């Protein structure tokens, strides 16, 4: 009896995982509860992308504070990546 399973195309290996599918997102919204989580996970995303020879373009990366209710001026930056500040925008 013939197999109905499609043949697996292998793009490569990462550690002991077979990479058989690759997607690419040009715009990727991420949501965090606080600045610490934002900074930690932005660093993790950057390190992960570097393993695949990809990079975050810091000049195109923006943050936004949803429901900003603090006293004082809206901050122009709340995180950094590769020793560069990430712009924090209002809209």
N, C-alpha and C. Protein backbone atom coordinates (compact mmCIF):
# COMPACT_ATOMS: atom_id res chain seq x y z
N UNK A 1 0.84 -1.17 0.00
CA UNK A 1 0.00 0.00 0.00
C UNK A 1 0.89 1.23 0.00
N UNK A 2 0.61 2.19 -0.86
CA UNK A 2 1.42 3.40 -0.99
C UNK A 2 1.14 4.34 0.18
N UNK A 3 2.17 5.04 0.60
CA UNK A 3 2.03 6.01 1.69
C UNK A 3 1.39 7.29 1.18
N UNK A 4 0.47 7.86 1.95
CA UNK A 4 -0.16 9.13 1.58
C UNK A 4 0.58 10.31 2.20
N UNK A 5 1.59 10.05 2.99
CA UNK A 5 2.35 11.11 3.63
C UNK A 5 3.22 11.81 2.59
N UNK A 6 3.16 13.15 2.60
CA UNK A 6 3.97 13.91 1.66
C UNK A 6 5.45 13.77 2.04
N UNK A 7 6.32 13.77 1.04
CA UNK A 7 7.75 13.68 1.35
C UNK A 7 8.19 14.93 2.13
N UNK A 8 9.04 14.72 3.11
CA UNK A 8 9.50 15.82 3.93
C UNK A 8 10.71 16.47 3.27
N UNK A 9 10.64 17.78 3.10
CA UNK A 9 11.76 18.54 2.58
C UNK A 9 12.49 19.13 3.77
N UNK A 10 13.76 18.88 3.86
CA UNK A 10 14.54 19.34 5.00
C UNK A 10 15.37 20.55 4.59
N UNK A 11 15.09 21.72 5.24
CA UNK A 11 15.83 22.94 4.95
C UNK A 11 17.16 22.98 5.69
N UNK A 12 17.23 22.31 6.80
CA UNK A 12 18.44 22.33 7.59
C UNK A 12 18.20 21.76 8.97
N UNK A 13 19.20 21.87 9.81
CA UNK A 13 19.11 21.39 11.18
C UNK A 13 19.47 22.53 12.12
N UNK A 14 18.80 22.55 13.27
CA UNK A 14 19.15 23.45 14.36
C UNK A 14 19.20 22.60 15.61
N UNK A 15 20.38 22.47 16.19
CA UNK A 15 20.61 21.51 17.26
C UNK A 15 20.16 20.14 16.74
N UNK A 16 19.20 19.51 17.41
CA UNK A 16 18.73 18.20 16.93
C UNK A 16 17.34 18.30 16.30
N UNK A 17 16.95 19.52 15.89
CA UNK A 17 15.64 19.74 15.28
C UNK A 17 15.77 19.91 13.77
N UNK A 18 14.92 19.24 13.04
CA UNK A 18 14.87 19.39 11.59
C UNK A 18 14.04 20.63 11.25
N UNK A 19 14.59 21.49 10.43
CA UNK A 19 13.85 22.66 9.97
C UNK A 19 13.24 22.29 8.63
N UNK A 20 11.90 22.13 8.63
CA UNK A 20 11.22 21.75 7.39
C UNK A 20 10.22 22.81 6.94
N UNK A 21 10.17 23.93 7.65
CA UNK A 21 9.30 25.02 7.29
C UNK A 21 9.94 26.30 7.76
N UNK A 22 9.85 27.34 6.96
CA UNK A 22 10.44 28.62 7.32
C UNK A 22 9.47 29.72 6.96
N UNK A 23 9.11 30.53 7.93
CA UNK A 23 8.25 31.68 7.69
C UNK A 23 9.01 32.95 8.00
N UNK A 24 8.58 34.04 7.43
CA UNK A 24 9.26 35.32 7.64
C UNK A 24 8.20 36.39 7.89
N UNK A 25 8.36 37.14 8.94
CA UNK A 25 7.44 38.22 9.26
C UNK A 25 8.18 39.54 9.19
N UNK A 26 7.70 40.43 8.35
CA UNK A 26 8.33 41.74 8.24
C UNK A 26 7.89 42.63 9.39
N UNK A 27 6.62 42.57 9.74
CA UNK A 27 6.07 43.33 10.86
C UNK A 27 5.59 42.34 11.90
N UNK A 28 6.10 42.48 13.10
CA UNK A 28 5.77 41.53 14.15
C UNK A 28 5.38 42.29 15.42
N UNK A 29 4.09 42.36 15.75
CA UNK A 29 3.70 43.04 16.99
C UNK A 29 3.94 42.13 18.19
N UNK A 30 4.51 42.68 19.22
CA UNK A 30 4.76 41.96 20.47
C UNK A 30 4.14 42.78 21.61
N UNK A 31 3.58 42.11 22.60
CA UNK A 31 2.94 42.80 23.72
C UNK A 31 3.59 42.34 25.02
N UNK A 32 3.88 43.30 25.91
CA UNK A 32 4.51 43.00 27.19
C UNK A 32 3.82 43.79 28.30
N UNK A 33 3.87 43.26 29.50
CA UNK A 33 3.21 43.91 30.63
C UNK A 33 4.07 45.00 31.27
N UNK A 34 5.39 44.95 31.06
CA UNK A 34 6.25 45.95 31.68
C UNK A 34 7.56 46.08 30.89
N UNK A 35 8.33 47.11 31.24
CA UNK A 35 9.59 47.39 30.53
C UNK A 35 10.60 46.28 30.67
N UNK A 36 10.64 45.66 31.84
CA UNK A 36 11.62 44.59 32.07
C UNK A 36 11.37 43.41 31.13
N UNK A 37 10.11 43.02 30.98
CA UNK A 37 9.76 41.92 30.07
C UNK A 37 10.07 42.30 28.63
N UNK A 38 9.76 43.53 28.26
CA UNK A 38 10.07 44.02 26.91
C UNK A 38 11.55 43.88 26.63
N UNK A 39 12.38 44.41 27.51
CA UNK A 39 13.82 44.40 27.30
C UNK A 39 14.37 42.97 27.26
N UNK A 40 13.94 42.14 28.18
CA UNK A 40 14.40 40.75 28.25
C UNK A 40 14.02 39.98 26.99
N UNK A 41 12.77 40.09 26.57
CA UNK A 41 12.31 39.31 25.42
C UNK A 41 12.81 39.88 24.09
N UNK A 42 13.02 41.18 24.00
CA UNK A 42 13.61 41.77 22.81
C UNK A 42 15.03 41.26 22.62
N UNK A 43 15.76 41.15 23.72
CA UNK A 43 17.12 40.59 23.67
C UNK A 43 17.09 39.12 23.26
N UNK A 44 16.15 38.36 23.81
CA UNK A 44 16.01 36.95 23.46
C UNK A 44 15.66 36.78 21.97
N UNK A 45 14.74 37.60 21.47
CA UNK A 45 14.38 37.54 20.05
C UNK A 45 15.60 37.86 19.18
N UNK A 46 16.35 38.88 19.55
CA UNK A 46 17.55 39.26 18.79
C UNK A 46 18.57 38.12 18.78
N UNK A 47 18.80 37.50 19.92
CA UNK A 47 19.76 36.38 20.00
C UNK A 47 19.28 35.19 19.16
N UNK A 48 17.99 34.92 19.18
CA UNK A 48 17.44 33.81 18.41
C UNK A 48 17.57 34.07 16.91
N UNK A 49 17.23 35.28 16.48
CA UNK A 49 17.35 35.62 15.06
C UNK A 49 18.80 35.55 14.57
N UNK A 50 19.73 35.95 15.41
CA UNK A 50 21.15 35.91 15.04
C UNK A 50 21.61 34.48 14.75
N UNK A 51 21.03 33.50 15.44
CA UNK A 51 21.39 32.10 15.19
C UNK A 51 21.03 31.69 13.76
N UNK A 52 20.06 32.38 13.15
CA UNK A 52 19.64 32.10 11.78
C UNK A 52 20.16 33.16 10.81
N UNK A 53 21.15 33.92 11.26
CA UNK A 53 21.78 34.97 10.45
C UNK A 53 20.78 36.05 10.03
N UNK A 54 19.84 36.36 10.93
CA UNK A 54 18.88 37.43 10.73
C UNK A 54 19.11 38.49 11.79
N UNK A 55 18.64 39.70 11.54
CA UNK A 55 18.85 40.78 12.50
C UNK A 55 17.63 41.68 12.58
N UNK A 56 17.44 42.25 13.74
CA UNK A 56 16.39 43.26 13.93
C UNK A 56 16.97 44.60 13.51
N UNK A 57 16.27 45.31 12.65
CA UNK A 57 16.69 46.64 12.24
C UNK A 57 16.21 47.62 13.31
N UNK A 58 17.12 48.07 14.15
CA UNK A 58 16.76 48.93 15.29
C UNK A 58 16.16 50.24 14.81
N UNK A 59 16.61 50.76 13.68
CA UNK A 59 16.08 52.04 13.20
C UNK A 59 14.61 51.92 12.74
N UNK A 60 14.16 50.70 12.43
CA UNK A 60 12.77 50.49 12.03
C UNK A 60 11.91 49.92 13.17
N UNK A 61 12.52 49.65 14.29
CA UNK A 61 11.82 49.06 15.43
C UNK A 61 11.28 50.17 16.33
N UNK A 62 10.02 50.05 16.71
CA UNK A 62 9.36 51.06 17.54
C UNK A 62 8.64 50.38 18.69
N UNK A 63 8.51 51.09 19.79
CA UNK A 63 7.68 50.65 20.90
C UNK A 63 6.58 51.69 21.12
N UNK A 64 5.53 51.26 21.80
CA UNK A 64 4.43 52.16 22.14
C UNK A 64 3.85 51.71 23.48
N UNK A 65 3.59 52.65 24.35
CA UNK A 65 2.98 52.36 25.63
C UNK A 65 1.47 52.50 25.48
N UNK A 66 0.78 51.41 25.70
CA UNK A 66 -0.69 51.43 25.61
C UNK A 66 -1.25 51.92 26.94
N UNK A 67 -2.23 52.80 26.88
CA UNK A 67 -2.88 53.32 28.08
C UNK A 67 -1.90 54.01 29.03
N UNK A 68 -1.05 54.87 28.48
CA UNK A 68 -0.08 55.61 29.29
C UNK A 68 -0.83 56.52 30.25
N UNK A 69 -0.61 56.31 31.55
CA UNK A 69 -1.33 57.10 32.55
C UNK A 69 -0.42 57.67 33.63
N UNK A 70 0.85 57.69 33.37
CA UNK A 70 1.79 58.23 34.36
C UNK A 70 1.83 59.75 34.26
N UNK A 71 2.19 60.38 35.37
CA UNK A 71 2.39 61.83 35.35
C UNK A 71 3.70 62.12 34.62
N UNK A 72 3.75 63.25 33.96
CA UNK A 72 4.98 63.64 33.27
C UNK A 72 4.90 63.39 31.78
N UNK A 73 6.04 63.62 31.13
CA UNK A 73 6.11 63.51 29.68
C UNK A 73 6.18 62.05 29.24
N UNK A 74 5.64 61.80 28.07
CA UNK A 74 5.70 60.48 27.45
C UNK A 74 7.16 60.20 27.09
N UNK A 75 7.72 59.04 27.49
CA UNK A 75 9.15 58.77 27.23
C UNK A 75 9.44 58.55 25.75
N UNK A 76 10.58 59.04 25.29
CA UNK A 76 10.99 58.87 23.89
C UNK A 76 11.61 57.50 23.64
N UNK A 77 12.06 56.84 24.70
CA UNK A 77 12.58 55.47 24.59
C UNK A 77 12.34 54.73 25.89
N UNK A 78 12.06 53.42 25.77
CA UNK A 78 11.86 52.59 26.96
C UNK A 78 12.68 51.31 26.87
N UNK A 79 13.44 51.15 25.78
CA UNK A 79 14.25 49.94 25.61
C UNK A 79 15.41 50.22 24.67
N UNK A 80 16.32 49.26 24.62
CA UNK A 80 17.47 49.38 23.71
C UNK A 80 17.80 48.01 23.14
N UNK A 81 18.53 48.06 22.04
CA UNK A 81 18.95 46.84 21.37
C UNK A 81 20.26 47.13 20.67
N UNK A 82 21.22 46.25 20.84
CA UNK A 82 22.54 46.42 20.23
C UNK A 82 23.13 47.78 20.56
N UNK A 83 22.98 48.18 21.82
CA UNK A 83 23.51 49.44 22.34
C UNK A 83 22.91 50.67 21.67
N UNK A 84 21.74 50.52 21.07
CA UNK A 84 21.02 51.64 20.46
C UNK A 84 19.63 51.74 21.09
N UNK A 85 19.19 52.96 21.35
CA UNK A 85 17.85 53.16 21.89
C UNK A 85 16.80 52.83 20.84
N UNK A 86 15.71 52.21 21.26
CA UNK A 86 14.57 51.94 20.40
C UNK A 86 13.59 53.10 20.59
N UNK A 87 13.13 53.69 19.49
CA UNK A 87 12.18 54.81 19.58
C UNK A 87 10.86 54.35 20.17
N UNK A 88 10.32 55.16 21.07
CA UNK A 88 9.00 54.93 21.65
C UNK A 88 8.08 55.97 21.05
N UNK A 89 7.03 55.54 20.37
CA UNK A 89 6.15 56.44 19.63
C UNK A 89 4.77 56.54 20.27
N UNK A 90 4.05 57.62 19.92
CA UNK A 90 2.69 57.81 20.42
C UNK A 90 1.66 57.15 19.52
N UNK A 91 1.93 57.08 18.22
CA UNK A 91 0.99 56.46 17.27
C UNK A 91 1.74 55.86 16.12
